[in-house]
PDB file of N, CA and C in Angstrom:
ATOM      1  N   MET A   1       0.815  -1.189   0.000  1.00  0.00           N
ATOM      2  CA  MET A   1       0.000   0.000   0.000  1.00  0.00           C
ATOM      3  C   MET A   1       0.864   1.261   0.000  1.00  0.00           C
ATOM      4  N   SER A   2       1.933   1.253   0.769  1.00  0.00           N
ATOM      5  CA  SER A   2       2.818   2.409   0.813  1.00  0.00           C
ATOM      6  C   SER A   2       3.410   2.682  -0.572  1.00  0.00           C
ATOM      7  N   GLY A   3       3.808   1.623  -1.269  1.00  0.00           N
ATOM      8  CA  GLY A   3       4.354   1.786  -2.607  1.00  0.00           C
ATOM      9  C   GLY A   3       3.348   2.432  -3.541  1.00  0.00           C
ATOM     10  N   TRP A   4       2.097   2.039  -3.435  1.00  0.00           N
ATOM     11  CA  TRP A   4       1.034   2.621  -4.261  1.00  0.00           C
ATOM     12  C   TRP A   4       0.911   4.106  -3.958  1.00  0.00           C
ATOM     13  N   GLN A   5       0.912   4.475  -2.695  1.00  0.00           N
ATOM     14  CA  GLN A   5       0.800   5.882  -2.326  1.00  0.00           C
ATOM     15  C   GLN A   5       1.987   6.678  -2.841  1.00  0.00           C
ATOM     16  N   GLN A   6       3.183   6.123  -2.746  1.00  0.00           N
ATOM     17  CA  GLN A   6       4.367   6.814  -3.255  1.00  0.00           C
ATOM     18  C   GLN A   6       4.252   7.026  -4.763  1.00  0.00           C
ATOM     19  N   LEU A   7       3.797   6.012  -5.459  1.00  0.00           N
ATOM     20  CA  LEU A   7       3.640   6.107  -6.911  1.00  0.00           C
ATOM     21  C   LEU A   7       2.620   7.178  -7.282  1.00  0.00           C
ATOM     22  N   MET A   8       1.503   7.207  -6.572  1.00  0.00           N
ATOM     23  CA  MET A   8       0.473   8.222  -6.842  1.00  0.00           C
ATOM     24  C   MET A   8       1.036   9.620  -6.577  1.00  0.00           C
ATOM     25  N   ASN A   9       1.733   9.784  -5.451  1.00  0.00           N
ATOM     26  CA  ASN A   9       2.285  11.093  -5.113  1.00  0.00           C
ATOM     27  C   ASN A   9       3.242  11.588  -6.197  1.00  0.00           C
ATOM     28  N   CYS A  10       4.077  10.708  -6.709  1.00  0.00           N
ATOM     29  CA  CYS A  10       5.061  11.107  -7.718  1.00  0.00           C
ATOM     30  C   CYS A  10       4.449  11.313  -9.098  1.00  0.00           C
ATOM     31  N   SER A  11       3.317  10.700  -9.348  1.00  0.00           N
ATOM     32  CA  SER A  11       2.701  10.824 -10.667  1.00  0.00           C
ATOM     33  C   SER A  11       1.905  12.110 -10.819  1.00  0.00           C
ATOM     34  N   GLY A  12       1.581  12.737  -9.700  1.00  0.00           N
ATOM     35  CA  GLY A  12       0.771  13.948  -9.752  1.00  0.00           C
ATOM     36  C   GLY A  12      -0.716  13.674  -9.698  1.00  0.00           C
ATOM     37  N   VAL A  13      -1.093  12.410  -9.590  1.00  0.00           N
ATOM     38  CA  VAL A  13      -2.506  12.043  -9.503  1.00  0.00           C
ATOM     39  C   VAL A  13      -2.945  12.152  -8.049  1.00  0.00           C
ATOM     40  N   CYS A  14      -4.086  12.734  -7.816  1.00  0.00           N
ATOM     41  CA  CYS A  14      -4.632  12.823  -6.467  1.00  0.00           C
ATOM     42  C   CYS A  14      -4.931  11.415  -5.964  1.00  0.00           C
ATOM     43  N   ILE A  15      -4.394  11.071  -4.808  1.00  0.00           N
ATOM     44  CA  ILE A  15      -4.574   9.716  -4.294  1.00  0.00           C
ATOM     45  C   ILE A  15      -6.041   9.425  -4.001  1.00  0.00           C
ATOM     46  N   PHE A  16      -6.814  10.432  -3.629  1.00  0.00           N
ATOM     47  CA  PHE A  16      -8.235  10.216  -3.388  1.00  0.00           C
ATOM     48  C   PHE A  16      -8.946   9.877  -4.694  1.00  0.00           C
ATOM     49  N   ALA A  17      -8.576  10.557  -5.771  1.00  0.00           N
ATOM     50  CA  ALA A  17      -9.177  10.250  -7.068  1.00  0.00           C
ATOM     51  C   ALA A  17      -8.721   8.882  -7.562  1.00  0.00           C
ATOM     52  N   ALA A  18      -7.443   8.568  -7.375  1.00  0.00           N
ATOM     53  CA  ALA A  18      -6.920   7.280  -7.851  1.00  0.00           C
ATOM     54  C   ALA A  18      -7.587   6.117  -7.148  1.00  0.00           C
ATOM     55  N   ASP A  19      -7.867   6.271  -5.862  1.00  0.00           N
ATOM     56  CA  ASP A  19      -8.508   5.199  -5.120  1.00  0.00           C
ATOM     57  C   ASP A  19     -10.017   5.187  -5.310  1.00  0.00           C
ATOM     58  N   GLY A  20     -10.592   6.324  -5.657  1.00  0.00           N
ATOM     59  CA  GLY A  20     -12.044   6.414  -5.730  1.00  0.00           C
ATOM     60  C   GLY A  20     -12.631   6.314  -7.131  1.00  0.00           C
ATOM     61  N   LEU A  21     -11.804   6.518  -8.146  1.00  0.00           N
ATOM     62  CA  LEU A  21     -12.312   6.477  -9.513  1.00  0.00           C
ATOM     63  C   LEU A  21     -11.868   5.200 -10.204  1.00  0.00           C
ATOM     64  N   ASN A  22     -12.687   4.734 -11.090  1.00  0.00           N
ATOM     65  CA  ASN A  22     -12.368   3.513 -11.819  1.00  0.00           C
ATOM     66  C   ASN A  22     -11.769   3.900 -13.178  1.00  0.00           C
ATOM     67  N   PHE A  23     -10.435   4.014 -13.217  1.00  0.00           N
ATOM     68  CA  PHE A  23      -9.796   4.270 -14.503  1.00  0.00           C
ATOM     69  C   PHE A  23      -8.634   3.306 -14.681  1.00  0.00           C
ATOM     70  N   ARG A  24      -8.173   3.190 -15.874  1.00  0.00           N
ATOM     71  CA  ARG A  24      -7.156   2.208 -16.231  1.00  0.00           C
ATOM     72  C   ARG A  24      -5.766   2.771 -15.967  1.00  0.00           C
ATOM     73  N   TRP A  25      -5.309   2.596 -14.746  1.00  0.00           N
ATOM     74  CA  TRP A  25      -4.052   3.177 -14.310  1.00  0.00           C
ATOM     75  C   TRP A  25      -2.869   2.650 -15.117  1.00  0.00           C
ATOM     76  N   ILE A  26      -2.783   1.359 -15.318  1.00  0.00           N
ATOM     77  CA  ILE A  26      -1.638   0.786 -16.042  1.00  0.00           C
ATOM     78  C   ILE A  26      -1.603   1.304 -17.473  1.00  0.00           C
ATOM     79  N   GLU A  27      -2.758   1.360 -18.128  1.00  0.00           N
ATOM     80  CA  GLU A  27      -2.801   1.874 -19.496  1.00  0.00           C
ATOM     81  C   GLU A  27      -2.401   3.344 -19.537  1.00  0.00           C
ATOM     82  N   LEU A  28      -2.809   4.087 -18.536  1.00  0.00           N
ATOM     83  CA  LEU A  28      -2.442   5.494 -18.451  1.00  0.00           C
ATOM     84  C   LEU A  28      -0.925   5.646 -18.346  1.00  0.00           C
ATOM     85  N   MET A  29      -0.296   4.881 -17.464  1.00  0.00           N
ATOM     86  CA  MET A  29       1.148   4.955 -17.298  1.00  0.00           C
ATOM     87  C   MET A  29       1.885   4.477 -18.554  1.00  0.00           C
ATOM     88  N   ARG A  30       1.353   3.460 -19.221  1.00  0.00           N
ATOM     89  CA  ARG A  30       1.969   3.006 -20.471  1.00  0.00           C
ATOM     90  C   ARG A  30       1.945   4.118 -21.509  1.00  0.00           C
ATOM     91  N   ALA A  31       0.819   4.813 -21.601  1.00  0.00           N
ATOM     92  CA  ALA A  31       0.685   5.883 -22.591  1.00  0.00           C
ATOM     93  C   ALA A  31       1.620   7.050 -22.272  1.00  0.00           C
ATOM     94  N   ILE A  32       1.741   7.384 -21.005  1.00  0.00           N
ATOM     95  CA  ILE A  32       2.581   8.515 -20.607  1.00  0.00           C
ATOM     96  C   ILE A  32       4.060   8.195 -20.792  1.00  0.00           C
ATOM     97  N   LYS A  33       4.480   7.030 -20.309  1.00  0.00           N
ATOM     98  CA  LYS A  33       5.900   6.676 -20.292  1.00  0.00           C
ATOM     99  C   LYS A  33       6.357   5.893 -21.512  1.00  0.00           C
ATOM    100  N   GLY A  34       5.438   5.255 -22.211  1.00  0.00           N
ATOM    101  CA  GLY A  34       5.827   4.429 -23.346  1.00  0.00           C
ATOM    102  C   GLY A  34       6.480   3.122 -22.926  1.00  0.00           C
ATOM    103  N   TRP A  35       6.288   2.731 -21.679  1.00  0.00           N
ATOM    104  CA  TRP A  35       6.864   1.498 -21.156  1.00  0.00           C
ATOM    105  C   TRP A  35       5.815   0.397 -21.160  1.00  0.00           C
ATOM    106  N   ASP A  36       6.249  -0.826 -21.299  1.00  0.00           N
ATOM    107  CA  ASP A  36       5.358  -1.981 -21.201  1.00  0.00           C
ATOM    108  C   ASP A  36       5.264  -2.387 -19.732  1.00  0.00           C
ATOM    109  N   LEU A  37       4.384  -1.728 -19.001  1.00  0.00           N
ATOM    110  CA  LEU A  37       4.270  -1.924 -17.560  1.00  0.00           C
ATOM    111  C   LEU A  37       3.199  -2.943 -17.206  1.00  0.00           C
ATOM    112  N   ASP A  38       3.381  -3.554 -16.053  1.00  0.00           N
ATOM    113  CA  ASP A  38       2.323  -4.354 -15.457  1.00  0.00           C
ATOM    114  C   ASP A  38       2.247  -3.981 -13.978  1.00  0.00           C
ATOM    115  N   ILE A  39       1.333  -4.581 -13.261  1.00  0.00           N
ATOM    116  CA  ILE A  39       1.123  -4.212 -11.864  1.00  0.00           C
ATOM    117  C   ILE A  39       2.371  -4.455 -11.025  1.00  0.00           C
ATOM    118  N   GLU A  40       3.121  -5.502 -11.320  1.00  0.00           N
ATOM    119  CA  GLU A  40       4.341  -5.785 -10.557  1.00  0.00           C
ATOM    120  C   GLU A  40       5.388  -4.694 -10.765  1.00  0.00           C
ATOM    121  N   ASN A  41       5.526  -4.202 -12.007  1.00  0.00           N
ATOM    122  CA  ASN A  41       6.450  -3.087 -12.274  1.00  0.00           C
ATOM    123  C   ASN A  41       6.059  -1.851 -11.474  1.00  0.00           C
ATOM    124  N   LEU A  42       4.764  -1.569 -11.438  1.00  0.00           N
ATOM    125  CA  LEU A  42       4.303  -0.380 -10.725  1.00  0.00           C
ATOM    126  C   LEU A  42       4.519  -0.520  -9.222  1.00  0.00           C
ATOM    127  N   LYS A  43       4.241  -1.695  -8.673  1.00  0.00           N
ATOM    128  CA  LYS A  43       4.462  -1.906  -7.239  1.00  0.00           C
ATOM    129  C   LYS A  43       5.939  -1.748  -6.895  1.00  0.00           C
ATOM    130  N   LEU A  44       6.804  -2.310  -7.711  1.00  0.00           N
ATOM    131  CA  LEU A  44       8.241  -2.214  -7.477  1.00  0.00           C
ATOM    132  C   LEU A  44       8.717  -0.762  -7.572  1.00  0.00           C
ATOM    133  N   THR A  45       8.181  -0.029  -8.527  1.00  0.00           N
ATOM    134  CA  THR A  45       8.528   1.384  -8.666  1.00  0.00           C
ATOM    135  C   THR A  45       8.132   2.162  -7.422  1.00  0.00           C
ATOM    136  N   GLY A  46       6.936   1.926  -6.921  1.00  0.00           N
ATOM    137  CA  GLY A  46       6.489   2.586  -5.700  1.00  0.00           C
ATOM    138  C   GLY A  46       7.364   2.230  -4.509  1.00  0.00           C
ATOM    139  N   GLN A  47       7.782   0.974  -4.421  1.00  0.00           N
ATOM    140  CA  GLN A  47       8.663   0.558  -3.326  1.00  0.00           C
ATOM    141  C   GLN A  47      10.032   1.230  -3.442  1.00  0.00           C
ATOM    142  N   ARG A  48      10.512   1.372  -4.655  1.00  0.00           N
ATOM    143  CA  ARG A  48      11.794   2.077  -4.854  1.00  0.00           C
ATOM    144  C   ARG A  48      11.690   3.527  -4.400  1.00  0.00           C
ATOM    145  N   ILE A  49      10.591   4.171  -4.761  1.00  0.00           N
ATOM    146  CA  ILE A  49      10.386   5.573  -4.379  1.00  0.00           C
ATOM    147  C   ILE A  49      10.383   5.699  -2.857  1.00  0.00           C
ATOM    148  N   GLY A  50       9.623   4.850  -2.179  1.00  0.00           N
ATOM    149  CA  GLY A  50       9.555   4.897  -0.723  1.00  0.00           C
ATOM    150  C   GLY A  50      10.908   4.635  -0.081  1.00  0.00           C
ATOM    151  N   THR A  51      11.654   3.705  -0.640  1.00  0.00           N
ATOM    152  CA  THR A  51      12.980   3.384  -0.111  1.00  0.00           C
ATOM    153  C   THR A  51      13.925   4.565  -0.283  1.00  0.00           C
ATOM    154  N   MET A  52      13.907   5.180  -1.453  1.00  0.00           N
ATOM    155  CA  MET A  52      14.786   6.333  -1.683  1.00  0.00           C
ATOM    156  C   MET A  52      14.409   7.508  -0.776  1.00  0.00           C
ATOM    157  N   LEU A  53      13.119   7.675  -0.514  1.00  0.00           N
ATOM    158  CA  LEU A  53      12.671   8.710   0.408  1.00  0.00           C
ATOM    159  C   LEU A  53      13.282   8.490   1.783  1.00  0.00           C
ATOM    160  N   HIS A  54      13.221   7.244   2.270  1.00  0.00           N
ATOM    161  CA  HIS A  54      13.792   6.940   3.585  1.00  0.00           C
ATOM    162  C   HIS A  54      15.318   7.065   3.578  1.00  0.00           C
ATOM    163  N   LEU A  55      15.956   6.627   2.505  1.00  0.00           N
ATOM    164  CA  LEU A  55      17.414   6.756   2.434  1.00  0.00           C
ATOM    165  C   LEU A  55      17.827   8.230   2.482  1.00  0.00           C
ATOM    166  N   PHE A  56      17.089   9.072   1.785  1.00  0.00           N
ATOM    167  CA  PHE A  56      17.372  10.514   1.820  1.00  0.00           C
ATOM    168  C   PHE A  56      17.215  11.046   3.242  1.00  0.00           C
ATOM    169  N   ASN A  57      16.101  10.697   3.889  1.00  0.00           N
ATOM    170  CA  ASN A  57      15.867  11.172   5.253  1.00  0.00           C
ATOM    171  C   ASN A  57      16.988  10.751   6.192  1.00  0.00           C
ATOM    172  N   PHE A  58      17.439   9.507   6.078  1.00  0.00           N
ATOM    173  CA  PHE A  58      18.502   9.041   6.956  1.00  0.00           C
ATOM    174  C   PHE A  58      19.831   9.726   6.643  1.00  0.00           C
ATOM    175  N   ARG A  59      20.074   9.966   5.364  1.00  0.00           N
ATOM    176  CA  ARG A  59      21.294  10.694   5.008  1.00  0.00           C
ATOM    177  C   ARG A  59      21.294  12.084   5.642  1.00  0.00           C
ATOM    178  N   GLU A  60      20.112  12.671   5.751  1.00  0.00           N
ATOM    179  CA  GLU A  60      19.995  14.018   6.300  1.00  0.00           C
ATOM    180  C   GLU A  60      19.879  14.039   7.820  1.00  0.00           C
ATOM    181  N   GLY A  61      20.012  12.874   8.465  1.00  0.00           N
ATOM    182  CA  GLY A  61      20.067  12.853   9.920  1.00  0.00           C
ATOM    183  C   GLY A  61      18.864  12.301  10.649  1.00  0.00           C
ATOM    184  N   PHE A  62      17.802  11.932   9.921  1.00  0.00           N
ATOM    185  CA  PHE A  62      16.644  11.344  10.591  1.00  0.00           C
ATOM    186  C   PHE A  62      17.016   9.973  11.140  1.00  0.00           C
ATOM    187  N   ARG A  63      16.418   9.610  12.248  1.00  0.00           N
ATOM    188  CA  ARG A  63      16.588   8.298  12.847  1.00  0.00           C
ATOM    189  C   ARG A  63      15.216   7.675  13.082  1.00  0.00           C
ATOM    190  N   LEU A  64      15.171   6.398  13.332  1.00  0.00           N
ATOM    191  CA  LEU A  64      13.892   5.718  13.528  1.00  0.00           C
ATOM    192  C   LEU A  64      13.073   6.378  14.631  1.00  0.00           C
ATOM    193  N   SER A  65      13.734   6.876  15.658  1.00  0.00           N
ATOM    194  CA  SER A  65      13.022   7.509  16.762  1.00  0.00           C
ATOM    195  C   SER A  65      12.352   8.826  16.341  1.00  0.00           C
ATOM    196  N   ASP A  66      12.762   9.396  15.207  1.00  0.00           N
ATOM    197  CA  ASP A  66      12.146  10.637  14.726  1.00  0.00           C
ATOM    198  C   ASP A  66      10.781  10.408  14.091  1.00  0.00           C
ATOM    199  N   PHE A  67      10.472   9.193  13.735  1.00  0.00           N
ATOM    200  CA  PHE A  67       9.200   8.881  13.100  1.00  0.00           C
ATOM    201  C   PHE A  67       8.169   8.629  14.181  1.00  0.00           C
ATOM    202  N   THR A  68       7.291   9.597  14.363  1.00  0.00           N
ATOM    203  CA  THR A  68       6.278   9.528  15.411  1.00  0.00           C
ATOM    204  C   THR A  68       4.906   9.792  14.812  1.00  0.00           C
ATOM    205  N   LEU A  69       3.905   9.597  15.609  1.00  0.00           N
ATOM    206  CA  LEU A  69       2.531   9.865  15.212  1.00  0.00           C
ATOM    207  C   LEU A  69       1.887  10.634  16.353  1.00  0.00           C
ATOM    208  N   PRO A  70       1.219  11.737  16.074  1.00  0.00           N
ATOM    209  CA  PRO A  70       0.579  12.484  17.156  1.00  0.00           C
ATOM    210  C   PRO A  70      -0.387  11.592  17.943  1.00  0.00           C
ATOM    211  N   GLU A  71      -0.447  11.824  19.227  1.00  0.00           N
ATOM    212  CA  GLU A  71      -1.307  11.009  20.094  1.00  0.00           C
ATOM    213  C   GLU A  71      -2.739  10.960  19.577  1.00  0.00           C
ATOM    214  N   ARG A  72      -3.265  12.087  19.154  1.00  0.00           N
ATOM    215  CA  ARG A  72      -4.666  12.137  18.683  1.00  0.00           C
ATOM    216  C   ARG A  72      -4.861  11.249  17.451  1.00  0.00           C
ATOM    217  N   ALA A  73      -3.863  11.195  16.572  1.00  0.00           N
ATOM    218  CA  ALA A  73      -3.974  10.380  15.361  1.00  0.00           C
ATOM    219  C   ALA A  73      -3.955   8.886  15.668  1.00  0.00           C
ATOM    220  N   ARG A  74      -3.374   8.508  16.800  1.00  0.00           N
ATOM    221  CA  ARG A  74      -3.352   7.101  17.159  1.00  0.00           C
ATOM    222  C   ARG A  74      -4.504   6.724  18.085  1.00  0.00           C
ATOM    223  N   GLY A  75      -5.403   7.696  18.342  1.00  0.00           N
ATOM    224  CA  GLY A  75      -6.585   7.403  19.142  1.00  0.00           C
ATOM    225  C   GLY A  75      -6.375   7.590  20.628  1.00  0.00           C
ATOM    226  N   ASN A  76      -5.567   8.566  20.991  1.00  0.00           N
ATOM    227  CA  ASN A  76      -5.320   8.835  22.389  1.00  0.00           C
ATOM    228  C   ASN A  76      -5.591  10.305  22.661  1.00  0.00           C
ATOM    229  N   PRO A  77      -6.700  10.669  23.245  1.00  0.00           N
ATOM    230  CA  PRO A  77      -7.689   9.779  23.843  1.00  0.00           C
ATOM    231  C   PRO A  77      -8.561   9.123  22.778  1.00  0.00           C
ATOM    232  N   PRO A  78      -9.101   7.946  23.100  1.00  0.00           N
ATOM    233  CA  PRO A  78      -9.935   7.239  22.118  1.00  0.00           C
ATOM    234  C   PRO A  78     -11.210   8.020  21.795  1.00  0.00           C
ATOM    235  N   LEU A  79     -11.672   7.835  20.568  1.00  0.00           N
ATOM    236  CA  LEU A  79     -12.942   8.443  20.177  1.00  0.00           C
ATOM    237  C   LEU A  79     -14.071   7.792  20.966  1.00  0.00           C
ATOM    238  N   THR A  80     -15.148   8.522  21.139  1.00  0.00           N
ATOM    239  CA  THR A  80     -16.276   7.995  21.905  1.00  0.00           C
ATOM    240  C   THR A  80     -17.418   7.527  21.017  1.00  0.00           C
ATOM    241  N   ALA A  81     -17.294   7.743  19.692  1.00  0.00           N
ATOM    242  CA  ALA A  81     -18.340   7.314  18.757  1.00  0.00           C
ATOM    243  C   ALA A  81     -17.699   6.962  17.429  1.00  0.00           C
ATOM    244  N   GLY A  82     -18.442   6.234  16.610  1.00  0.00           N
ATOM    245  CA  GLY A  82     -17.976   5.895  15.269  1.00  0.00           C
ATOM    246  C   GLY A  82     -17.276   4.553  15.210  1.00  0.00           C
ATOM    247  N   PRO A  83     -16.852   4.168  14.006  1.00  0.00           N
ATOM    248  CA  PRO A  83     -16.278   2.828  13.818  1.00  0.00           C
ATOM    249  C   PRO A  83     -14.946   2.603  14.535  1.00  0.00           C
ATOM    250  N   THR A  84     -14.227   3.657  14.889  1.00  0.00           N
ATOM    251  CA  THR A  84     -12.965   3.486  15.624  1.00  0.00           C
ATOM    252  C   THR A  84     -13.112   3.899  17.087  1.00  0.00           C
ATOM    253  N   ARG A  85     -14.358   3.861  17.560  1.00  0.00           N
ATOM    254  CA  ARG A  85     -14.621   4.173  18.969  1.00  0.00           C
ATOM    255  C   ARG A  85     -13.805   3.247  19.867  1.00  0.00           C
ATOM    256  N   SER A  86     -13.175   3.804  20.847  1.00  0.00           N
ATOM    257  CA  SER A  86     -12.396   3.063  21.858  1.00  0.00           C
ATOM    258  C   SER A  86     -11.138   2.399  21.300  1.00  0.00           C
ATOM    259  N   VAL A  87     -10.701   2.773  20.097  1.00  0.00           N
ATOM    260  CA  VAL A  87      -9.507   2.178  19.504  1.00  0.00           C
ATOM    261  C   VAL A  87      -8.312   3.101  19.704  1.00  0.00           C
ATOM    262  N   THR A  88      -7.232   2.547  20.234  1.00  0.00           N
ATOM    263  CA  THR A  88      -5.964   3.256  20.338  1.00  0.00           C
ATOM    264  C   THR A  88      -4.902   2.383  19.694  1.00  0.00           C
ATOM    265  N   LEU A  89      -4.151   2.942  18.746  1.00  0.00           N
ATOM    266  CA  LEU A  89      -3.114   2.188  18.043  1.00  0.00           C
ATOM    267  C   LEU A  89      -1.855   2.059  18.889  1.00  0.00           C
ATOM    268  N   GLU A  90      -1.241   0.914  18.806  1.00  0.00           N
ATOM    269  CA  GLU A  90       0.055   0.688  19.443  1.00  0.00           C
ATOM    270  C   GLU A  90       1.085   1.019  18.377  1.00  0.00           C
ATOM    271  N   PHE A  91       1.505   2.287  18.342  1.00  0.00           N
ATOM    272  CA  PHE A  91       2.273   2.815  17.222  1.00  0.00           C
ATOM    273  C   PHE A  91       3.642   2.170  17.048  1.00  0.00           C
ATOM    274  N   GLU A  92       4.379   1.941  18.103  1.00  0.00           N
ATOM    275  CA  GLU A  92       5.732   1.410  17.960  1.00  0.00           C
ATOM    276  C   GLU A  92       5.733   0.040  17.276  1.00  0.00           C
ATOM    277  N   GLY A  93       4.787  -0.808  17.607  1.00  0.00           N
ATOM    278  CA  GLY A  93       4.685  -2.112  16.948  1.00  0.00           C
ATOM    279  C   GLY A  93       4.346  -1.980  15.470  1.00  0.00           C
ATOM    280  N   LEU A  94       3.429  -1.068  15.146  1.00  0.00           N
ATOM    281  CA  LEU A  94       3.071  -0.837  13.747  1.00  0.00           C
ATOM    282  C   LEU A  94       4.250  -0.260  12.975  1.00  0.00           C
ATOM    283  N   LYS A  95       4.966   0.661  13.598  1.00  0.00           N
ATOM    284  CA  LYS A  95       6.145   1.258  12.951  1.00  0.00           C
ATOM    285  C   LYS A  95       7.181   0.176  12.666  1.00  0.00           C
ATOM    286  N   ARG A  96       7.406  -0.690  13.614  1.00  0.00           N
ATOM    287  CA  ARG A  96       8.379  -1.767  13.430  1.00  0.00           C
ATOM    288  C   ARG A  96       7.964  -2.673  12.264  1.00  0.00           C
ATOM    289  N   GLN A  97       6.697  -3.066  12.216  1.00  0.00           N
ATOM    290  CA  GLN A  97       6.210  -3.927  11.135  1.00  0.00           C
ATOM    291  C   GLN A  97       6.378  -3.253   9.778  1.00  0.00           C
ATOM    292  N   TYR A  98       6.026  -1.975   9.696  1.00  0.00           N
ATOM    293  CA  TYR A  98       6.145  -1.246   8.436  1.00  0.00           C
ATOM    294  C   TYR A  98       7.600  -1.169   7.980  1.00  0.00           C
ATOM    295  N   LEU A  99       8.481  -0.746   8.877  1.00  0.00           N
ATOM    296  CA  LEU A  99       9.875  -0.563   8.506  1.00  0.00           C
ATOM    297  C   LEU A  99      10.542  -1.893   8.146  1.00  0.00           C
ATOM    298  N   GLU A 100      10.208  -2.950   8.853  1.00  0.00           N
ATOM    299  CA  GLU A 100      10.762  -4.256   8.505  1.00  0.00           C
ATOM    300  C   GLU A 100      10.241  -4.715   7.143  1.00  0.00           C
ATOM    301  N   ALA A 101       8.965  -4.445   6.849  1.00  0.00           N
ATOM    302  CA  ALA A 101       8.409  -4.794   5.532  1.00  0.00           C
ATOM    303  C   ALA A 101       9.086  -3.985   4.426  1.00  0.00           C
ATOM    304  N   MET A 102       9.489  -2.749   4.745  1.00  0.00           N
ATOM    305  CA  MET A 102      10.185  -1.902   3.772  1.00  0.00           C
ATOM    306  C   MET A 102      11.617  -2.372   3.521  1.00  0.00           C
ATOM    307  N   GLY A 103      12.183  -3.126   4.472  1.00  0.00           N
ATOM    308  CA  GLY A 103      13.540  -3.615   4.288  1.00  0.00           C
ATOM    309  C   GLY A 103      14.545  -3.076   5.276  1.00  0.00           C
ATOM    310  N   PHE A 104      14.077  -2.430   6.333  1.00  0.00           N
ATOM    311  CA  PHE A 104      14.954  -1.918   7.377  1.00  0.00           C
ATOM    312  C   PHE A 104      15.381  -3.033   8.319  1.00  0.00           C
ATOM    313  N   ASP A 105      16.557  -2.872   8.852  1.00  0.00           N
ATOM    314  CA  ASP A 105      16.937  -3.607  10.051  1.00  0.00           C
ATOM    315  C   ASP A 105      16.504  -2.693  11.186  1.00  0.00           C
ATOM    316  N   PHE A 106      15.488  -3.073  11.908  1.00  0.00           N
ATOM    317  CA  PHE A 106      14.898  -2.177  12.903  1.00  0.00           C
ATOM    318  C   PHE A 106      15.883  -1.836  14.020  1.00  0.00           C
ATOM    319  N   GLU A 107      16.773  -2.734  14.329  1.00  0.00           N
ATOM    320  CA  GLU A 107      17.713  -2.485  15.420  1.00  0.00           C
ATOM    321  C   GLU A 107      18.770  -1.446  15.041  1.00  0.00           C
ATOM    322  N   THR A 108      19.264  -1.492  13.813  1.00  0.00           N
ATOM    323  CA  THR A 108      20.324  -0.557  13.407  1.00  0.00           C
ATOM    324  C   THR A 108      19.778   0.669  12.677  1.00  0.00           C
ATOM    325  N   GLY A 109      18.560   0.572  12.146  1.00  0.00           N
ATOM    326  CA  GLY A 109      17.995   1.680  11.388  1.00  0.00           C
ATOM    327  C   GLY A 109      18.486   1.748   9.954  1.00  0.00           C
ATOM    328  N   LYS A 110      19.212   0.745   9.516  1.00  0.00           N
ATOM    329  CA  LYS A 110      19.740   0.724   8.148  1.00  0.00           C
ATOM    330  C   LYS A 110      18.917  -0.222   7.285  1.00  0.00           C
ATOM    331  N   PHE A 111      18.963   0.031   5.975  1.00  0.00           N
ATOM    332  CA  PHE A 111      18.302  -0.879   5.048  1.00  0.00           C
ATOM    333  C   PHE A 111      19.119  -2.150   4.912  1.00  0.00           C
ATOM    334  N   ARG A 112      18.409  -3.260   4.796  1.00  0.00           N
ATOM    335  CA  ARG A 112      19.100  -4.526   4.563  1.00  0.00           C
ATOM    336  C   ARG A 112      19.638  -4.528   3.125  1.00  0.00           C
ATOM    337  N   LYS A 113      20.875  -4.933   2.983  1.00  0.00           N
ATOM    338  CA  LYS A 113      21.540  -4.959   1.678  1.00  0.00           C
ATOM    339  C   LYS A 113      20.754  -5.795   0.674  1.00  0.00           C
ATOM    340  N   GLU A 114      20.211  -6.923   1.125  1.00  0.00           N
ATOM    341  CA  GLU A 114      19.453  -7.803   0.230  1.00  0.00           C
ATOM    342  C   GLU A 114      18.231  -7.093  -0.349  1.00  0.00           C
ATOM    343  N   ARG A 115      17.574  -6.273   0.486  1.00  0.00           N
ATOM    344  CA  ARG A 115      16.384  -5.563   0.015  1.00  0.00           C
ATOM    345  C   ARG A 115      16.767  -4.516  -1.022  1.00  0.00           C
ATOM    346  N   LEU A 116      17.856  -3.809  -0.801  1.00  0.00           N
ATOM    347  CA  LEU A 116      18.307  -2.822  -1.785  1.00  0.00           C
ATOM    348  C   LEU A 116      18.642  -3.505  -3.104  1.00  0.00           C
ATOM    349  N   GLU A 117      19.230  -4.685  -3.044  1.00  0.00           N
ATOM    350  CA  GLU A 117      19.542  -5.432  -4.262  1.00  0.00           C
ATOM    351  C   GLU A 117      18.262  -5.861  -4.978  1.00  0.00           C
ATOM    352  N   GLU A 118      17.249  -6.305  -4.227  1.00  0.00           N
ATOM    353  CA  GLU A 118      15.954  -6.684  -4.830  1.00  0.00           C
ATOM    354  C   GLU A 118      15.345  -5.515  -5.590  1.00  0.00           C
ATOM    355  N   LEU A 119      15.529  -4.322  -5.062  1.00  0.00           N
ATOM    356  CA  LEU A 119      14.953  -3.120  -5.679  1.00  0.00           C
ATOM    357  C   LEU A 119      15.847  -2.514  -6.744  1.00  0.00           C
ATOM    358  N   GLY A 120      17.055  -3.083  -6.930  1.00  0.00           N
ATOM    359  CA  GLY A 120      17.982  -2.535  -7.902  1.00  0.00           C
ATOM    360  C   GLY A 120      18.613  -1.242  -7.435  1.00  0.00           C
ATOM    361  N   LEU A 121      18.696  -1.047  -6.116  1.00  0.00           N
ATOM    362  CA  LEU A 121      19.222   0.193  -5.539  1.00  0.00           C
ATOM    363  C   LEU A 121      20.530  -0.012  -4.798  1.00  0.00           C
ATOM    364  N   GLN A 122      21.217  -1.104  -5.062  1.00  0.00           N
ATOM    365  CA  GLN A 122      22.444  -1.416  -4.317  1.00  0.00           C
ATOM    366  C   GLN A 122      23.520  -0.347  -4.489  1.00  0.00           C
ATOM    367  N   ASP A 123      23.501   0.399  -5.583  1.00  0.00           N
ATOM    368  CA  ASP A 123      24.515   1.418  -5.814  1.00  0.00           C
ATOM    369  C   ASP A 123      24.217   2.733  -5.091  1.00  0.00           C
ATOM    370  N   ILE A 124      23.049   2.856  -4.518  1.00  0.00           N
ATOM    371  CA  ILE A 124      22.661   4.088  -3.837  1.00  0.00           C
ATOM    372  C   ILE A 124      23.542   4.356  -2.627  1.00  0.00           C
ATOM    373  N   LEU A 125      23.837   3.309  -1.859  1.00  0.00           N
ATOM    374  CA  LEU A 125      24.631   3.508  -0.659  1.00  0.00           C
ATOM    375  C   LEU A 125      26.068   3.718  -1.032  1.00  0.00           C
TER     376      LEU A 125
END
């Protein structure tokens, strides 16, 4: 999902429109770029974008501890009505799952070399 959001952000398409409208995204990208794309190419591209974003942030001094979520956004205090009533997110666990899925070594804060190679980004470091 993160890769999809990164791809939408970089394409200039409103993510709300992309998720809410039924249009042929792959055909659109093929027409714009002239590439023979499929869904796997697009997912990989989005993952590369997200990875490069994190690599840039870390180069500029960000650390895993800098990635936080405001208490209100995680449901603290919990809402009293609606579908997320009484729900509070355990943010650190979610952050760990996300970063590990992205290819981070959560303990060191660095990307795993194998993941960078999978994405074709081994030369970035």
